[in-house]
Structure formats: C-alpha cells, structure tokens
C-alpha cells in the first residue's frame, strides 16, 4: 500500500489505480535515471523529491490546507505563480504526462485529442492522482481549442477558472491580458480569503525571480563542453519545479549549480567531449515523460537545452519591477513578463521561432529534435517556420510526433539513430 493511505482515502482516491500510478512512475524512473554514470551528487535531492511527490509533499499540502492555506492547480506557465503565492497559496502544475489515465478521459473525450489534455482530465475522472483532489481551484488558460473545451468539462468536477490569453501581442492585447490578471487576482483573493498587498506581492515576485535565476544558471552550465549534467537530469529538475516548495527548490538548485561549476573547472562531463549536442523544442514534457531524452542519451548524444514550456520558456526573463510600487503596477510588471513567453498560440509566432534559432546557436547545437504530441495542431503547424529558420542557420532538425505509449519506441529509436548518424557525416 502507498504511504499516507489515510490521507489518500480522505481525498477520495481510488487506491488501486493510485498504486498503478506509483508503479508506472517508479518503473519508468528506475529504467531512466539510476543507470547513468557520473551523476552529480546534488541529484540526490531531486531523486528523493521524485520519490516523495506522492507521499511527503502531499502531506505538506494537506497540512497547509489544515492551517487555512490555499492550493491551486495550473496547467501552463502563463498562469502567474506570484499571484497565488501572494495570498500564502501554493501552486502546482498538473499537466498529465502518462498513458495510464487516458482511457478514463476517452470515456467522454474523442480519441484524436492531445494526450496531455486527456491524461490531465483522466487523472481527475479516475481519481488516480492526489494533486487533482487536493486543490481548491483549477486555473486553465486558452492556449488551444482542446484545452478551452476541456476546462468546461473539468468545471463539472471541480471549480475551474479560465484565464483568457490574447491571440496577439499588440497594445490592445496587452490591455486585455492585464485586465485578465487583475480578475485572476480578485478570484484568488476570494478563494483564499486573503487580500493581496503591495508588500506580499513584491515578496512573491522576489521568490519566483530567484527561482527563475537559479534555473537559468543551471541551464547556462549546460552550454559547457562537455556538459556537467545530463539532459534527463535537467528535465527531471524542471518537472520537480512544478511541485516543490519554491524556496526549498531554489536553494537545492543553487547548491547543485555550485557542484556543477566545480565539475566544469575539472573538465568533468556527463558524456565524452565530442558527443552530439541536441536541443529539444516543441511541446511541453510533463512528468514522467522522459522517453525522448532517454532515447537520445542512450544513443551516444546529449540533450543540452529544451526550448519548451517545461524548459527555458518557464524560467526565461525575470519580472522587472520596483518594490515600492502599488499592487496594480506590480500586476502590470507581471503581465509584461508573462506575455513575453513564446507560444504558437500567438499570431504571428516569429518571436518563438527566433528564440529557438538563437538558443541553438548559443548552446552550439549539432541538431534539433522537434517534439510534437499527437494531435497538437499548434506545434505541428509551427514546425513549418521553425524548420525554415533552422535550415537557414545551417542547423539540422528532426520532427517526431509521438504519444505517451511505449508502442513507438522501436521506430522512434531507429529515426533518432539515423539522425545522429547523419550529424556525424
């Protein structure tokens, strides 16, 4: 039986299905992470945190709620964590990243829909994942049509608030986005019973700016040749960031960065010096989606950066603000920062394409793997521009379209091997 069985039962979880979730997580983790050579010692914390996500971290959230605190579930980096934190709330990002709950979602959703959306809703419908039962409010966003309709369904099962993201980034769009975040602030205040002050919001901005800075420093170290940490481990850290306490997480990342800097000085890397350097871009990779990283890194290459919502797009750019300003001016600073996140939901989408191309140059990439979840039309169509820009920069790119099952492993491995061989020619 899982730990905290009494808590899980109080949350109304299906314990048998939850045990299957733990089995999938543990089996996947055991296959991917412990077999690596020369892992940094600082990864011990993130290994433990992965193990504790459904035990001690759930207990922390329950204790937080017992003290009157609020827990909010989000599904996208466009939802500002600072606004939730400013009322003493905790935000957790809940995209589904596994095959297990998809059958539950397909009882009411079409099969030809993004697996991330189906996995997310399936966790709630199947009472599989305690995070989906513990939150006081889900916050969705309008980054794709599939999500917009699923938020309506999710609202039948738990309170769901939808933030409207503009389609463009002109002045009127920025004004709309600012109004949306003001409305979100008011909603969070009602749910929590706490009024946001200039002091509380400024403190929250500083907390998450520090978190972004730590993650940016970690990923900057991956530019080194050879990189001091594997792409798999960096991806695990980014996924843990969606669940862990922000300040604790930041401290641990900073400690790890110190160790990695020492490895760089010694010339100690995770792979041989001439291993092909790969960027992954495209769709986000929710826990425990490590399939692509694992296949690339067991074929002799190394993933050195991810231009994705679960990678660089999450921690890029701090919020620039003056601490002594009003709540409204701080909300404006938050709005400005978050609307700068690249995403194919915007038109035109060239800022994201330019960022991908520039990152590929900055990290001295040998090749790019463009990752598309099945039926994700936004990222699939965006590939046209990405491929053109990368080819003009002389950077090879491979598009892979996959889901969360293991059925495509053989074919995917063959394509990746062929791509990596081509890079060596």
Protein backbone atom coordinates (compact mmCIF):
# COMPACT_ATOMS: atom_id res chain seq x y z
CA UNK A 1 0.00 0.00 0.00
CA UNK A 2 1.18 3.59 -0.61
CA UNK A 3 2.31 5.88 2.19
CA UNK A 4 -0.26 8.23 3.77
CA UNK A 5 -3.07 5.79 2.97
CA UNK A 6 -5.37 7.55 5.44
CA UNK A 7 -4.81 10.90 3.69
CA UNK A 8 -5.37 9.37 0.25
CA UNK A 9 -8.61 7.76 1.41
CA UNK A 10 -9.82 11.07 2.86
CA UNK A 11 -9.14 12.65 -0.53
CA UNK A 12 -11.38 10.01 -2.12
CA UNK A 13 -8.64 8.43 -4.22
CA UNK A 14 -9.04 5.08 -5.95
CA UNK A 15 -6.15 3.40 -4.12
CA UNK A 16 -5.80 0.55 -6.60
CA UNK A 17 -5.47 2.97 -9.53
CA UNK A 18 -3.13 5.17 -7.50
CA UNK A 19 -0.88 2.17 -6.82
CA UNK A 20 -0.69 1.61 -10.58
CA UNK A 21 0.35 5.25 -10.97
CA UNK A 22 3.16 4.76 -8.45
CA UNK A 23 4.27 1.58 -10.22
CA UNK A 24 4.46 3.35 -13.57
CA UNK A 25 6.41 6.25 -12.06
CA UNK A 26 8.84 4.03 -10.18
CA UNK A 27 9.41 1.63 -13.08
CA UNK A 28 9.99 4.48 -15.52
CA UNK A 29 12.34 6.25 -13.14
CA UNK A 30 14.33 3.09 -12.44
CA UNK A 31 14.79 2.48 -16.15
CA UNK A 32 15.98 6.00 -16.94
CA UNK A 33 17.91 7.59 -14.06
CA UNK A 34 19.93 5.27 -11.75
CA UNK A 35 21.82 3.64 -14.65
CA UNK A 36 23.55 6.91 -15.58
CA UNK A 37 27.26 7.22 -14.96
CA UNK A 38 28.94 10.13 -13.14
CA UNK A 39 25.72 11.76 -11.94
CA UNK A 40 26.18 14.87 -9.78
CA UNK A 41 25.75 14.21 -6.06
CA UNK A 42 23.27 17.11 -5.91
CA UNK A 43 20.78 14.99 -7.86
CA UNK A 44 20.17 13.01 -4.65
CA UNK A 45 17.69 15.66 -3.50
CA UNK A 46 15.72 15.59 -6.75
CA UNK A 47 15.69 11.79 -6.70
CA UNK A 48 14.23 11.90 -3.20
CA UNK A 49 11.75 14.57 -4.21
CA UNK A 50 10.56 12.45 -7.11
CA UNK A 51 10.09 9.56 -4.70
CA UNK A 52 8.28 11.80 -2.19
CA UNK A 53 5.97 13.62 -4.63
CA UNK A 54 3.04 11.41 -3.67
CA UNK A 55 3.90 10.99 0.00
CA UNK A 56 5.62 13.73 2.00
CA UNK A 57 4.79 16.52 -0.48
CA UNK A 58 1.09 15.57 -0.38
CA UNK A 59 1.29 15.60 3.41
CA UNK A 60 2.79 19.11 3.29
CA UNK A 61 -0.09 20.33 1.12
CA UNK A 62 -2.69 18.77 3.42
CA UNK A 63 -1.09 20.43 6.44
CA UNK A 64 -1.03 23.72 4.54
CA UNK A 65 -4.78 23.44 3.89
CA UNK A 66 -5.47 22.47 7.52
CA UNK A 67 -3.86 25.76 8.54
CA UNK A 68 -6.23 27.64 6.25
CA UNK A 69 -3.96 27.80 3.22
CA UNK A 70 -4.98 27.51 -0.42
CA UNK A 71 -3.72 25.08 -3.08
CA UNK A 72 -4.23 25.90 -6.75
CA UNK A 73 -3.71 23.62 -9.74
CA UNK A 74 -2.48 25.08 -13.03
CA UNK A 75 -1.64 23.60 -16.43
CA UNK A 76 0.54 26.18 -18.15
CA UNK A 77 3.43 28.57 -17.42
CA UNK A 78 1.22 31.52 -18.46
CA UNK A 79 -0.57 31.40 -15.07
CA UNK A 80 1.46 33.64 -12.71
CA UNK A 81 2.60 31.77 -9.60
CA UNK A 82 3.33 35.09 -7.91
CA UNK A 83 -0.34 36.00 -7.61
CA UNK A 84 -1.12 32.67 -5.92
CA UNK A 85 1.89 32.90 -3.62
CA UNK A 86 0.97 36.46 -2.59
CA UNK A 87 -2.07 35.17 -0.65
CA UNK A 88 0.06 32.48 1.01
CA UNK A 89 -1.18 29.94 -1.51
CA UNK A 90 0.70 27.09 -3.18
CA UNK A 91 0.52 26.43 -6.90
CA UNK A 92 1.21 23.07 -8.51
CA UNK A 93 1.35 22.45 -12.26
CA UNK A 94 -0.69 19.43 -13.23
CA UNK A 95 -0.28 18.55 -16.90
CA UNK A 96 -0.71 14.83 -17.40
CA UNK A 97 2.35 13.06 -18.79
CA UNK A 98 1.48 9.38 -18.84
CA UNK A 99 -0.71 6.85 -20.64
CA UNK A 100 -2.43 5.38 -17.56
CA UNK A 101 -5.37 7.84 -17.19
CA UNK A 102 -6.06 8.35 -20.90
CA UNK A 103 -8.64 5.55 -21.06
CA UNK A 104 -10.64 7.34 -18.34
CA UNK A 105 -10.65 10.57 -20.36
CA UNK A 106 -11.66 8.78 -23.55
CA UNK A 107 -14.94 7.76 -21.93
CA UNK A 108 -16.06 11.33 -22.65
CA UNK A 109 -13.37 12.81 -24.93
CA UNK A 110 -12.53 11.89 -28.53
CA UNK A 111 -9.51 9.65 -29.02
CA UNK A 112 -7.98 12.04 -31.56
CA UNK A 113 -7.17 14.69 -28.97
CA UNK A 114 -3.84 15.73 -27.45
CA UNK A 115 -2.63 13.07 -24.96
CA UNK A 116 -1.56 15.73 -22.45
CA UNK A 117 -5.12 17.05 -22.27
CA UNK A 118 -6.57 13.56 -22.00
CA UNK A 119 -4.03 12.49 -19.40
CA UNK A 120 -4.80 15.57 -17.28
CA UNK A 121 -8.57 15.12 -17.32
CA UNK A 122 -8.20 11.37 -16.88
CA UNK A 123 -6.35 11.84 -13.60
CA UNK A 124 -9.39 13.68 -12.24
CA UNK A 125 -12.04 11.38 -13.69
CA UNK A 126 -10.27 8.24 -12.48
CA UNK A 127 -9.43 9.61 -9.01
CA UNK A 128 -5.86 8.47 -9.60
CA UNK A 129 -3.74 11.46 -8.69
CA UNK A 130 -3.99 13.10 -5.23
CA UNK A 131 -2.93 16.51 -6.56
CA UNK A 132 -6.15 16.65 -8.57
CA UNK A 133 -8.17 16.02 -5.41
CA UNK A 134 -6.33 18.33 -3.06
CA UNK A 135 -6.56 21.62 -4.98
CA UNK A 136 -9.13 24.27 -4.10
CA UNK A 137 -9.23 25.65 -7.63
CA UNK A 138 -8.04 24.70 -11.10
CA UNK A 139 -6.85 27.53 -13.33
CA UNK A 140 -6.99 26.84 -17.05
CA UNK A 141 -5.96 29.05 -19.93
CA UNK A 142 -6.90 29.45 -23.59
CA UNK A 143 -3.70 28.30 -25.29
CA UNK A 144 -5.53 25.81 -27.53
CA UNK A 145 -9.07 24.86 -28.52
CA UNK A 146 -8.81 21.43 -26.92
CA UNK A 147 -7.95 22.92 -23.55
CA UNK A 148 -10.69 25.55 -23.76
CA UNK A 149 -13.39 22.90 -24.15
CA UNK A 150 -11.92 20.54 -21.57
CA UNK A 151 -11.93 23.29 -18.92
CA UNK A 152 -15.72 23.37 -19.32
CA UNK A 153 -15.84 19.64 -18.58
CA UNK A 154 -13.37 19.87 -15.70
CA UNK A 155 -15.56 22.54 -14.11
CA UNK A 156 -18.28 19.89 -13.74
CA UNK A 157 -16.00 18.01 -11.37
CA UNK A 158 -14.16 20.80 -9.52
CA UNK A 159 -14.12 24.62 -9.52
CA UNK A 160 -12.23 25.75 -12.62
CA UNK A 161 -11.32 29.31 -13.53
CA UNK A 162 -10.19 30.17 -17.05
CA UNK A 163 -7.72 32.95 -17.85
CA UNK A 164 -8.13 34.27 -21.38
CA UNK A 165 -4.82 34.62 -23.18
CA UNK A 166 -4.86 37.06 -26.11
CA UNK A 167 -4.14 35.77 -29.60
CA UNK A 168 -1.71 38.57 -30.45
CA UNK A 169 0.69 40.87 -28.59
CA UNK A 170 -0.44 44.31 -29.77
CA UNK A 171 -1.32 47.10 -27.33
CA UNK A 172 -4.99 46.14 -27.09
CA UNK A 173 -3.97 42.53 -26.42
CA UNK A 174 -1.67 43.65 -23.61
CA UNK A 175 -4.53 45.68 -22.13
CA UNK A 176 -6.80 42.62 -22.25
CA UNK A 177 -4.12 40.47 -20.60
CA UNK A 178 -3.63 43.00 -17.80
CA UNK A 179 -7.39 43.01 -17.12
CA UNK A 180 -7.36 39.20 -17.07
CA UNK A 181 -4.64 39.14 -14.43
CA UNK A 182 -6.47 41.74 -12.33
CA UNK A 183 -9.55 39.49 -12.48
CA UNK A 184 -7.40 36.49 -11.56
CA UNK A 185 -6.03 38.40 -8.56
CA UNK A 186 -9.58 39.11 -7.41
CA UNK A 187 -10.57 35.46 -7.86
CA UNK A 188 -7.58 34.24 -5.85
CA UNK A 189 -8.40 36.73 -3.09
CA UNK A 190 -11.98 35.40 -2.89
CA UNK A 191 -10.89 31.75 -2.86
CA UNK A 192 -8.22 32.31 -0.21
CA UNK A 193 -9.96 34.97 1.87
CA UNK A 194 -6.70 36.96 1.82
CA UNK A 195 -6.17 40.42 0.32
CA UNK A 196 -3.02 40.87 -1.78
CA UNK A 197 -0.89 43.81 -0.66
CA UNK A 198 1.99 45.55 -2.38
CA UNK A 199 4.31 44.06 0.23
CA UNK A 200 3.08 40.47 -0.17
CA UNK A 201 3.16 40.62 -3.97
CA UNK A 202 6.64 42.16 -4.03
CA UNK A 203 7.92 39.39 -1.78
CA UNK A 204 6.36 36.74 -4.02
CA UNK A 205 7.90 38.28 -7.12
CA UNK A 206 11.31 38.13 -5.46
CA UNK A 207 10.80 34.46 -4.55
CA UNK A 208 9.99 33.41 -8.11
CA UNK A 209 12.59 35.68 -9.67
CA UNK A 210 15.13 33.85 -7.51
CA UNK A 211 13.74 30.52 -8.65
CA UNK A 212 13.98 31.54 -12.30
CA UNK A 213 17.52 32.83 -11.80
CA UNK A 214 18.63 29.54 -10.23
CA UNK A 215 17.12 27.52 -13.07
CA UNK A 216 18.66 29.83 -15.67
CA UNK A 217 22.09 29.41 -14.08
CA UNK A 218 21.69 25.63 -14.07
CA UNK A 219 20.78 25.56 -17.74
CA UNK A 220 23.55 28.01 -18.65
CA UNK A 221 26.05 25.48 -17.29
CA UNK A 222 24.79 23.02 -19.87
CA UNK A 223 26.39 25.19 -22.55
CA UNK A 224 29.79 23.89 -21.45
CA UNK A 225 31.66 21.23 -23.42
CA UNK A 226 31.24 18.60 -22.15
CA UNK A 227 28.04 19.44 -20.21
CA UNK A 228 28.32 18.67 -16.48
CA UNK A 229 24.77 17.25 -16.22
CA UNK A 230 22.61 15.09 -18.47
CA UNK A 231 19.51 16.33 -20.24
CA UNK A 232 17.49 13.69 -18.40
CA UNK A 233 18.53 15.02 -15.02
CA UNK A 234 17.93 18.63 -16.07
CA UNK A 235 14.48 17.65 -17.33
CA UNK A 236 13.67 15.91 -14.03
CA UNK A 237 14.66 19.07 -12.15
CA UNK A 238 12.37 21.19 -14.35
CA UNK A 239 9.49 18.81 -13.69
CA UNK A 240 10.12 18.79 -9.94
CA UNK A 241 9.96 22.61 -10.11
CA UNK A 242 6.23 22.33 -10.81
CA UNK A 243 5.56 20.64 -7.45
CA UNK A 244 8.22 21.52 -4.90
CA UNK A 245 8.25 24.39 -2.42
CA UNK A 246 9.71 27.33 -4.35
CA UNK A 247 12.32 28.49 -1.84
CA UNK A 248 13.46 24.98 -0.93
CA UNK A 249 13.75 24.11 -4.62
CA UNK A 250 15.74 27.28 -5.34
CA UNK A 251 18.20 26.53 -2.55
CA UNK A 252 18.78 23.00 -3.84
CA UNK A 253 19.27 24.14 -7.43
CA UNK A 254 21.80 26.73 -6.27
CA UNK A 255 23.67 24.03 -4.35
CA UNK A 256 23.69 21.81 -7.43
CA UNK A 257 24.99 24.69 -9.56
CA UNK A 258 27.93 25.04 -7.20
CA UNK A 259 28.79 21.39 -7.71
CA UNK A 260 28.39 21.66 -11.48
CA UNK A 261 30.70 24.69 -11.61
CA UNK A 262 33.38 22.63 -9.90
CA UNK A 263 32.86 19.83 -12.43
CA UNK A 264 33.28 22.33 -15.26
CA UNK A 265 36.56 23.59 -13.77
CA UNK A 266 37.81 19.99 -13.61
CA UNK A 267 36.65 19.34 -17.18
CA UNK A 268 34.35 16.62 -15.86
CA UNK A 269 31.28 16.00 -18.01
CA UNK A 270 28.41 13.59 -18.27
CA UNK A 271 29.47 12.44 -21.78
CA UNK A 272 32.57 12.35 -23.95
CA UNK A 273 33.69 15.72 -25.24
CA UNK A 274 32.66 15.14 -28.88
CA UNK A 275 29.14 13.77 -28.23
CA UNK A 276 26.50 15.35 -30.47
CA UNK A 277 24.73 18.22 -28.73
CA UNK A 278 20.96 18.14 -29.14
CA UNK A 279 18.23 20.68 -28.45
CA UNK A 280 14.64 19.57 -27.90
CA UNK A 281 11.91 22.04 -28.79
CA UNK A 282 8.16 21.79 -29.30
CA UNK A 283 5.53 20.54 -26.87
CA UNK A 284 6.00 20.57 -23.07
CA UNK A 285 7.12 17.37 -21.33
CA UNK A 286 5.09 16.66 -18.22
CA UNK A 287 6.16 14.20 -15.52
CA UNK A 288 7.13 11.37 -16.19
CA UNK A 289 7.68 11.97 -19.92
CA UNK A 290 11.39 11.18 -20.30
CA UNK A 291 11.11 8.95 -23.38
CA UNK A 292 12.73 11.26 -25.89
CA UNK A 293 15.61 12.36 -23.61
CA UNK A 294 16.33 8.74 -22.73
CA UNK A 295 16.42 7.54 -26.33
CA UNK A 296 18.70 10.38 -27.41
CA UNK A 297 21.09 9.99 -24.49
CA UNK A 298 21.34 6.20 -24.73
CA UNK A 299 22.33 6.57 -28.37
CA UNK A 300 25.53 8.47 -27.60
CA UNK A 301 24.31 12.08 -27.81
CA UNK A 302 23.40 14.55 -25.04
CA UNK A 303 20.46 16.92 -24.69
CA UNK A 304 21.87 20.31 -23.66
CA UNK A 305 18.76 22.50 -23.75
CA UNK A 306 14.96 22.47 -24.09
CA UNK A 307 13.14 25.37 -25.68
CA UNK A 308 9.79 24.23 -24.31
CA UNK A 309 7.14 25.25 -21.76
CA UNK A 310 8.71 22.77 -19.35
CA UNK A 311 12.20 24.05 -20.22
CA UNK A 312 13.57 27.51 -20.96
CA UNK A 313 10.19 29.13 -21.57
CA UNK A 314 9.28 28.51 -17.93
CA UNK A 315 12.22 30.34 -16.38
CA UNK A 316 13.18 32.87 -19.07
CA UNK A 317 13.27 36.53 -18.02
CA UNK A 318 12.70 37.93 -14.51
CA UNK A 319 9.84 40.23 -13.60
CA UNK A 320 11.24 43.77 -13.74
CA UNK A 321 9.52 45.92 -11.10
CA UNK A 322 10.04 48.49 -8.40
CA UNK A 323 9.40 47.04 -4.97
CA UNK A 324 7.85 50.24 -3.60
CA UNK A 325 5.18 50.50 -6.31
CA UNK A 326 1.47 49.73 -5.97
CA UNK A 327 -0.20 46.36 -6.48
CA UNK A 328 -1.52 47.49 -9.87
CA UNK A 329 1.94 48.47 -11.11
CA UNK A 330 3.30 45.13 -9.92
CA UNK A 331 0.50 43.29 -11.73
CA UNK A 332 1.43 45.27 -14.85
CA UNK A 333 5.05 44.12 -14.48
CA UNK A 334 3.85 40.52 -14.08
CA UNK A 335 1.64 40.85 -17.15
CA UNK A 336 4.52 42.21 -19.23
CA UNK A 337 6.83 39.37 -18.27
CA UNK A 338 4.35 36.54 -18.81
CA UNK A 339 3.08 37.77 -22.17
CA UNK A 340 6.65 37.64 -23.46
CA UNK A 341 6.69 33.84 -23.17
CA UNK A 342 6.83 32.43 -26.73
CA UNK A 343 3.98 30.10 -27.71
CA UNK A 344 2.46 29.01 -31.04
CA UNK A 345 -0.93 30.11 -29.72
CA UNK A 346 0.12 33.64 -30.66
CA UNK A 347 0.00 35.04 -34.17
CA UNK A 348 2.38 35.88 -35.64
CA UNK A 349 4.65 33.44 -33.85
CA UNK A 350 8.04 34.55 -35.04
CA UNK A 351 9.36 35.51 -31.59
CA UNK A 352 9.30 31.85 -30.56
CA UNK A 353 10.98 30.75 -33.78
CA UNK A 354 13.69 33.38 -33.35
CA UNK A 355 14.28 32.27 -29.75
CA UNK A 356 14.64 28.64 -30.81
CA UNK A 357 17.16 29.57 -33.50
CA UNK A 358 19.16 31.80 -31.15
CA UNK A 359 19.24 29.16 -28.42
CA UNK A 360 20.50 26.60 -30.92
CA UNK A 361 23.40 28.95 -31.71
CA UNK A 362 24.10 29.87 -28.08
CA UNK A 363 24.29 26.23 -26.97
CA UNK A 364 26.39 25.21 -30.02
CA UNK A 365 23.77 22.69 -31.07
CA UNK A 366 24.59 19.99 -33.62
CA UNK A 367 20.94 19.15 -34.24
CA UNK A 368 17.40 19.92 -33.07
CA UNK A 369 14.68 17.41 -32.30
CA UNK A 370 11.25 19.00 -32.72
CA UNK A 371 8.83 17.17 -30.43
CA UNK A 372 5.12 17.11 -31.25
CA UNK A 373 2.46 15.35 -29.22
CA UNK A 374 -0.09 13.58 -31.39
CA UNK A 375 -2.97 15.84 -32.45
CA UNK A 376 -1.23 19.00 -31.19
CA UNK A 377 -2.03 21.15 -34.21
CA UNK A 378 -0.44 24.35 -32.90
CA UNK A 379 3.07 22.96 -32.53
CA UNK A 380 2.70 20.74 -35.59
CA UNK A 381 1.88 23.68 -37.87
CA UNK A 382 4.52 25.87 -36.20
CA UNK A 383 7.16 23.39 -37.37
CA UNK A 384 6.98 24.88 -40.87
CA UNK A 385 8.55 28.14 -39.67
CA UNK A 386 10.93 26.51 -37.20
CA UNK A 387 12.35 24.17 -39.84
CA UNK A 388 12.85 27.02 -42.31
CA UNK A 389 14.67 29.24 -39.82
CA UNK A 390 16.89 26.42 -38.54
CA UNK A 391 17.83 25.31 -42.04
CA UNK A 392 18.75 28.88 -42.95
CA UNK A 393 21.03 28.84 -39.88
CA UNK A 394 22.56 25.54 -41.05
CA UNK A 395 21.13 23.53 -38.13
CA UNK A 396 19.64 20.08 -38.93
CA UNK A 397 16.22 19.31 -37.44
CA UNK A 398 14.18 16.14 -36.96
CA UNK A 399 10.44 16.24 -36.24
CA UNK A 400 8.98 13.42 -34.16
CA UNK A 401 5.26 13.03 -33.46
CA UNK A 402 4.57 10.72 -30.56
CA UNK A 403 2.22 9.96 -27.66
CA UNK A 404 2.74 8.56 -24.15
CA UNK A 405 2.59 4.86 -25.05
CA UNK A 406 5.61 2.59 -25.49
CA UNK A 407 4.40 1.25 -28.83
CA UNK A 408 6.50 3.65 -30.90
CA UNK A 409 9.80 3.11 -29.06
CA UNK A 410 11.38 0.92 -31.74
CA UNK A 411 10.53 3.18 -34.65
CA UNK A 412 11.48 6.31 -32.72
CA UNK A 413 14.84 4.82 -31.71
CA UNK A 414 15.60 3.96 -35.35
CA UNK A 415 14.81 7.50 -36.51
CA UNK A 416 16.91 9.08 -33.77
CA UNK A 417 19.86 6.81 -34.51
CA UNK A 418 19.68 7.70 -38.21
CA UNK A 419 19.50 11.43 -37.37
CA UNK A 420 22.51 11.24 -35.06
CA UNK A 421 24.49 9.30 -37.65
CA UNK A 422 23.69 12.00 -40.20
CA UNK A 423 25.06 14.66 -37.81
CA UNK A 424 28.45 12.90 -37.76
CA UNK A 425 28.84 12.90 -41.53
